[in-house]
Amino acid sequence: MAFRCAVCEKGPVSGQSYSHSHKATKRVFRPNLQRQKVVLNGRTQTAYVCTACIRSGRAARPTR
């Protein structure tokens, strides 16, 4: 699974974790992706969508 939102193209971002002694180690921040049926390009398909798109309504759910 590619860690990328099908709607907004949000993907992983690199950063650093800091321990108690403030030693920095590299890490990856991944978006919170959920598998959901959405309408993309006029077609209903199952895709990985970030929770920001789900909550804002950008990921249009198919009508029943």
PDB file of N, CA and C in Angstrom:
ATOM      1  N   MET A   1       0.842  -1.175   0.000  1.00  0.00           N
ATOM      2  CA  MET A   1       0.000   0.000   0.000  1.00  0.00           C
ATOM      3  C   MET A   1       0.885   1.235   0.000  1.00  0.00           C
ATOM      4  N   ALA A   2       0.623   2.118  -0.939  1.00  0.00           N
ATOM      5  CA  ALA A   2       1.341   3.382  -0.951  1.00  0.00           C
ATOM      6  C   ALA A   2       0.706   4.311   0.080  1.00  0.00           C
ATOM      7  N   PHE A   3       1.509   4.942   0.894  1.00  0.00           N
ATOM      8  CA  PHE A   3       0.996   5.836   1.928  1.00  0.00           C
ATOM      9  C   PHE A   3       0.677   7.195   1.318  1.00  0.00           C
ATOM     10  N   ARG A   4      -0.376   7.226   0.483  1.00  0.00           N
ATOM     11  CA  ARG A   4      -0.751   8.460  -0.183  1.00  0.00           C
ATOM     12  C   ARG A   4      -2.267   8.508  -0.316  1.00  0.00           C
ATOM     13  N   CYS A   5      -2.827   9.668  -0.014  1.00  0.00           N
ATOM     14  CA  CYS A   5      -4.276   9.861  -0.099  1.00  0.00           C
ATOM     15  C   CYS A   5      -4.688   9.949  -1.569  1.00  0.00           C
ATOM     16  N   ALA A   6      -5.782   9.267  -1.928  1.00  0.00           N
ATOM     17  CA  ALA A   6      -6.252   9.267  -3.313  1.00  0.00           C
ATOM     18  C   ALA A   6      -6.915  10.586  -3.689  1.00  0.00           C
ATOM     19  N   VAL A   7      -7.313  11.396  -2.710  1.00  0.00           N
ATOM     20  CA  VAL A   7      -8.019  12.644  -2.991  1.00  0.00           C
ATOM     21  C   VAL A   7      -7.060  13.831  -3.007  1.00  0.00           C
ATOM     22  N   CYS A   8      -6.299  14.014  -1.925  1.00  0.00           N
ATOM     23  CA  CYS A   8      -5.468  15.221  -1.802  1.00  0.00           C
ATOM     24  C   CYS A   8      -3.980  14.952  -2.022  1.00  0.00           C
ATOM     25  N   GLU A   9      -3.617  13.692  -2.293  1.00  0.00           N
ATOM     26  CA  GLU A   9      -2.218  13.317  -2.544  1.00  0.00           C
ATOM     27  C   GLU A   9      -1.313  13.533  -1.337  1.00  0.00           C
ATOM     28  N   LYS A  10      -1.885  13.603  -0.142  1.00  0.00           N
ATOM     29  CA  LYS A  10      -1.061  13.749   1.062  1.00  0.00           C
ATOM     30  C   LYS A  10      -0.256  12.463   1.253  1.00  0.00           C
ATOM     31  N   GLY A  11       1.045  12.600   1.513  1.00  0.00           N
ATOM     32  CA  GLY A  11       1.910  11.444   1.657  1.00  0.00           C
ATOM     33  C   GLY A  11       2.791  11.545   2.881  1.00  0.00           C
ATOM     34  N   PRO A  12       3.736  10.622   3.007  1.00  0.00           N
ATOM     35  CA  PRO A  12       4.618  10.631   4.166  1.00  0.00           C
ATOM     36  C   PRO A  12       5.567  11.823   4.164  1.00  0.00           C
ATOM     37  N   VAL A  13       5.908  12.278   5.366  1.00  0.00           N
ATOM     38  CA  VAL A  13       6.822  13.403   5.555  1.00  0.00           C
ATOM     39  C   VAL A  13       7.899  12.949   6.523  1.00  0.00           C
ATOM     40  N   SER A  14       9.148  13.281   6.235  1.00  0.00           N
ATOM     41  CA  SER A  14      10.230  12.886   7.132  1.00  0.00           C
ATOM     42  C   SER A  14      10.457  13.952   8.188  1.00  0.00           C
ATOM     43  N   GLY A  15      10.910  13.498   9.332  1.00  0.00           N
ATOM     44  CA  GLY A  15      11.175  14.410  10.438  1.00  0.00           C
ATOM     45  C   GLY A  15      12.116  13.748  11.420  1.00  0.00           C
ATOM     46  N   GLN A  16      12.060  14.191  12.658  1.00  0.00           N
ATOM     47  CA  GLN A  16      12.947  13.649  13.677  1.00  0.00           C
ATOM     48  C   GLN A  16      12.176  13.371  14.955  1.00  0.00           C
ATOM     49  N   SER A  17      12.593  12.297  15.646  1.00  0.00           N
ATOM     50  CA  SER A  17      12.108  12.008  16.990  1.00  0.00           C
ATOM     51  C   SER A  17      13.183  12.466  17.957  1.00  0.00           C
ATOM     52  N   TYR A  18      12.752  13.033  19.066  1.00  0.00           N
ATOM     53  CA  TYR A  18      13.698  13.513  20.063  1.00  0.00           C
ATOM     54  C   TYR A  18      13.508  12.727  21.351  1.00  0.00           C
ATOM     55  N   SER A  19      14.589  12.138  21.850  1.00  0.00           N
ATOM     56  CA  SER A  19      14.533  11.384  23.091  1.00  0.00           C
ATOM     57  C   SER A  19      14.607  12.346  24.281  1.00  0.00           C
ATOM     58  N   HIS A  20      14.577  11.781  25.472  1.00  0.00           N
ATOM     59  CA  HIS A  20      14.638  12.601  26.683  1.00  0.00           C
ATOM     60  C   HIS A  20      15.938  13.412  26.744  1.00  0.00           C
ATOM     61  N   SER A  21      17.024  12.826  26.190  1.00  0.00           N
ATOM     62  CA  SER A  21      18.311  13.530  26.183  1.00  0.00           C
ATOM     63  C   SER A  21      18.449  14.454  24.969  1.00  0.00           C
ATOM     64  N   HIS A  22      17.376  14.622  24.203  1.00  0.00           N
ATOM     65  CA  HIS A  22      17.326  15.483  23.015  1.00  0.00           C
ATOM     66  C   HIS A  22      18.209  14.991  21.880  1.00  0.00           C
ATOM     67  N   LYS A  23      18.461  13.684  21.850  1.00  0.00           N
ATOM     68  CA  LYS A  23      19.156  13.093  20.707  1.00  0.00           C
ATOM     69  C   LYS A  23      18.121  12.881  19.600  1.00  0.00           C
ATOM     70  N   ALA A  24      18.433  13.360  18.402  1.00  0.00           N
ATOM     71  CA  ALA A  24      17.486  13.297  17.291  1.00  0.00           C
ATOM     72  C   ALA A  24      17.744  12.066  16.434  1.00  0.00           C
ATOM     73  N   THR A  25      16.685  11.345  16.091  1.00  0.00           N
ATOM     74  CA  THR A  25      16.758  10.228  15.155  1.00  0.00           C
ATOM     75  C   THR A  25      15.700  10.449  14.081  1.00  0.00           C
ATOM     76  N   LYS A  26      16.036  10.041  12.852  1.00  0.00           N
ATOM     77  CA  LYS A  26      15.110  10.237  11.738  1.00  0.00           C
ATOM     78  C   LYS A  26      13.906   9.318  11.881  1.00  0.00           C
ATOM     79  N   ARG A  27      12.731   9.818  11.462  1.00  0.00           N
ATOM     80  CA  ARG A  27      11.509   9.029  11.462  1.00  0.00           C
ATOM     81  C   ARG A  27      10.602   9.517  10.347  1.00  0.00           C
ATOM     82  N   VAL A  28       9.513   8.808  10.129  1.00  0.00           N
ATOM     83  CA  VAL A  28       8.567   9.144   9.066  1.00  0.00           C
ATOM     84  C   VAL A  28       7.196   9.384   9.684  1.00  0.00           C
ATOM     85  N   PHE A  29       6.572  10.511   9.335  1.00  0.00           N
ATOM     86  CA  PHE A  29       5.199  10.807   9.741  1.00  0.00           C
ATOM     87  C   PHE A  29       4.298  10.406   8.579  1.00  0.00           C
ATOM     88  N   ARG A  30       3.416   9.425   8.799  1.00  0.00           N
ATOM     89  CA  ARG A  30       2.530   8.946   7.743  1.00  0.00           C
ATOM     90  C   ARG A  30       1.118   9.465   7.966  1.00  0.00           C
ATOM     91  N   PRO A  31       0.385   9.745   6.898  1.00  0.00           N
ATOM     92  CA  PRO A  31      -0.998  10.211   7.057  1.00  0.00           C
ATOM     93  C   PRO A  31      -1.891   9.079   7.555  1.00  0.00           C
ATOM     94  N   ASN A  32      -2.967   9.439   8.237  1.00  0.00           N
ATOM     95  CA  ASN A  32      -3.933   8.475   8.752  1.00  0.00           C
ATOM     96  C   ASN A  32      -4.875   8.100   7.614  1.00  0.00           C
ATOM     97  N   LEU A  33      -4.562   6.992   6.924  1.00  0.00           N
ATOM     98  CA  LEU A  33      -5.335   6.577   5.761  1.00  0.00           C
ATOM     99  C   LEU A  33      -6.349   5.506   6.138  1.00  0.00           C
ATOM    100  N   GLN A  34      -7.552   5.629   5.582  1.00  0.00           N
ATOM    101  CA  GLN A  34      -8.617   4.662   5.788  1.00  0.00           C
ATOM    102  C   GLN A  34      -9.090   4.186   4.418  1.00  0.00           C
ATOM    103  N   ARG A  35      -9.388   2.885   4.332  1.00  0.00           N
ATOM    104  CA  ARG A  35      -9.889   2.332   3.080  1.00  0.00           C
ATOM    105  C   ARG A  35     -11.381   2.616   3.006  1.00  0.00           C
ATOM    106  N   GLN A  36     -11.820   3.267   1.925  1.00  0.00           N
ATOM    107  CA  GLN A  36     -13.202   3.706   1.849  1.00  0.00           C
ATOM    108  C   GLN A  36     -13.658   3.764   0.397  1.00  0.00           C
ATOM    109  N   LYS A  37     -14.952   3.500   0.183  1.00  0.00           N
ATOM    110  CA  LYS A  37     -15.517   3.660  -1.156  1.00  0.00           C
ATOM    111  C   LYS A  37     -15.760   5.140  -1.397  1.00  0.00           C
ATOM    112  N   VAL A  38     -15.186   5.663  -2.471  1.00  0.00           N
ATOM    113  CA  VAL A  38     -15.328   7.076  -2.805  1.00  0.00           C
ATOM    114  C   VAL A  38     -15.593   7.211  -4.302  1.00  0.00           C
ATOM    115  N   VAL A  39     -16.076   8.378  -4.694  1.00  0.00           N
ATOM    116  CA  VAL A  39     -16.299   8.678  -6.105  1.00  0.00           C
ATOM    117  C   VAL A  39     -15.088   9.452  -6.610  1.00  0.00           C
ATOM    118  N   LEU A  40     -14.336   8.845  -7.519  1.00  0.00           N
ATOM    119  CA  LEU A  40     -13.164   9.479  -8.124  1.00  0.00           C
ATOM    120  C   LEU A  40     -13.341   9.467  -9.638  1.00  0.00           C
ATOM    121  N   ASN A  41     -13.252  10.617 -10.252  1.00  0.00           N
ATOM    122  CA  ASN A  41     -13.404  10.770 -11.706  1.00  0.00           C
ATOM    123  C   ASN A  41     -14.748  10.220 -12.191  1.00  0.00           C
ATOM    124  N   GLY A  42     -15.795  10.398 -11.390  1.00  0.00           N
ATOM    125  CA  GLY A  42     -17.122   9.947 -11.778  1.00  0.00           C
ATOM    126  C   GLY A  42     -17.382   8.472 -11.582  1.00  0.00           C
ATOM    127  N   ARG A  43     -16.424   7.731 -11.033  1.00  0.00           N
ATOM    128  CA  ARG A  43     -16.580   6.295 -10.828  1.00  0.00           C
ATOM    129  C   ARG A  43     -16.423   5.968  -9.356  1.00  0.00           C
ATOM    130  N   THR A  44     -17.186   4.974  -8.896  1.00  0.00           N
ATOM    131  CA  THR A  44     -17.077   4.520  -7.517  1.00  0.00           C
ATOM    132  C   THR A  44     -15.962   3.498  -7.430  1.00  0.00           C
ATOM    133  N   GLN A  45     -15.028   3.718  -6.519  1.00  0.00           N
ATOM    134  CA  GLN A  45     -13.952   2.761  -6.314  1.00  0.00           C
ATOM    135  C   GLN A  45     -13.484   2.819  -4.875  1.00  0.00           C
ATOM    136  N   THR A  46     -12.879   1.722  -4.438  1.00  0.00           N
ATOM    137  CA  THR A  46     -12.336   1.659  -3.091  1.00  0.00           C
ATOM    138  C   THR A  46     -10.921   2.212  -3.128  1.00  0.00           C
ATOM    139  N   ALA A  47     -10.652   3.164  -2.248  1.00  0.00           N
ATOM    140  CA  ALA A  47      -9.344   3.817  -2.249  1.00  0.00           C
ATOM    141  C   ALA A  47      -8.945   4.156  -0.825  1.00  0.00           C
ATOM    142  N   TYR A  48      -7.675   4.447  -0.651  1.00  0.00           N
ATOM    143  CA  TYR A  48      -7.177   4.897   0.642  1.00  0.00           C
ATOM    144  C   TYR A  48      -7.283   6.417   0.696  1.00  0.00           C
ATOM    145  N   VAL A  49      -8.026   6.898   1.705  1.00  0.00           N
ATOM    146  CA  VAL A  49      -8.300   8.326   1.841  1.00  0.00           C
ATOM    147  C   VAL A  49      -7.888   8.758   3.239  1.00  0.00           C
ATOM    148  N   CYS A  50      -7.272   9.941   3.363  1.00  0.00           N
ATOM    149  CA  CYS A  50      -6.862  10.427   4.677  1.00  0.00           C
ATOM    150  C   CYS A  50      -8.086  10.909   5.453  1.00  0.00           C
ATOM    151  N   THR A  51      -7.985  10.889   6.763  1.00  0.00           N
ATOM    152  CA  THR A  51      -9.114  11.260   7.611  1.00  0.00           C
ATOM    153  C   THR A  51      -9.455  12.740   7.483  1.00  0.00           C
ATOM    154  N   ALA A  52      -8.497  13.567   7.099  1.00  0.00           N
ATOM    155  CA  ALA A  52      -8.795  14.986   6.891  1.00  0.00           C
ATOM    156  C   ALA A  52      -9.766  15.158   5.729  1.00  0.00           C
ATOM    157  N   CYS A  53      -9.607  14.381   4.665  1.00  0.00           N
ATOM    158  CA  CYS A  53     -10.517  14.456   3.522  1.00  0.00           C
ATOM    159  C   CYS A  53     -11.881  13.873   3.874  1.00  0.00           C
ATOM    160  N   ILE A  54     -11.914  12.826   4.683  1.00  0.00           N
ATOM    161  CA  ILE A  54     -13.187  12.230   5.095  1.00  0.00           C
ATOM    162  C   ILE A  54     -13.975  13.219   5.937  1.00  0.00           C
ATOM    163  N   ARG A  55     -13.327  13.849   6.890  1.00  0.00           N
ATOM    164  CA  ARG A  55     -14.017  14.759   7.798  1.00  0.00           C
ATOM    165  C   ARG A  55     -14.456  16.046   7.115  1.00  0.00           C
ATOM    166  N   SER A  56     -13.673  16.517   6.133  1.00  0.00           N
ATOM    167  CA  SER A  56     -14.017  17.773   5.465  1.00  0.00           C
ATOM    168  C   SER A  56     -15.030  17.576   4.346  1.00  0.00           C
ATOM    169  N   GLY A  57     -15.265  16.333   3.931  1.00  0.00           N
ATOM    170  CA  GLY A  57     -16.223  16.067   2.864  1.00  0.00           C
ATOM    171  C   GLY A  57     -15.617  16.068   1.481  1.00  0.00           C
ATOM    172  N   ARG A  58     -14.306  16.186   1.368  1.00  0.00           N
ATOM    173  CA  ARG A  58     -13.666  16.158   0.049  1.00  0.00           C
ATOM    174  C   ARG A  58     -13.745  14.772  -0.580  1.00  0.00           C
ATOM    175  N   ALA A  59     -13.785  13.721   0.261  1.00  0.00           N
ATOM    176  CA  ALA A  59     -13.936  12.352  -0.232  1.00  0.00           C
ATOM    177  C   ALA A  59     -15.426  12.077  -0.361  1.00  0.00           C
ATOM    178  N   ALA A  60     -15.971  12.245  -1.571  1.00  0.00           N
ATOM    179  CA  ALA A  60     -17.409  12.093  -1.790  1.00  0.00           C
ATOM    180  C   ALA A  60     -17.788  10.620  -1.726  1.00  0.00           C
ATOM    181  N   ARG A  61     -18.738  10.299  -0.840  1.00  0.00           N
ATOM    182  CA  ARG A  61     -19.237   8.935  -0.728  1.00  0.00           C
ATOM    183  C   ARG A  61     -20.217   8.673  -1.868  1.00  0.00           C
ATOM    184  N   PRO A  62     -20.268   7.437  -2.379  1.00  0.00           N
ATOM    185  CA  PRO A  62     -21.231   7.131  -3.444  1.00  0.00           C
ATOM    186  C   PRO A  62     -22.655   7.125  -2.905  1.00  0.00           C
ATOM    187  N   THR A  63     -23.603   7.520  -3.759  1.00  0.00           N
ATOM    188  CA  THR A  63     -25.008   7.484  -3.355  1.00  0.00           C
ATOM    189  C   THR A  63     -25.521   6.059  -3.478  1.00  0.00           C
ATOM    190  N   ARG A  64     -26.471   5.723  -2.646  1.00  0.00           N
ATOM    191  CA  ARG A  64     -27.001   4.358  -2.671  1.00  0.00           C
ATOM    192  C   ARG A  64     -28.055   4.197  -3.736  1.00  0.00           C
TER     193      ARG A  64
END
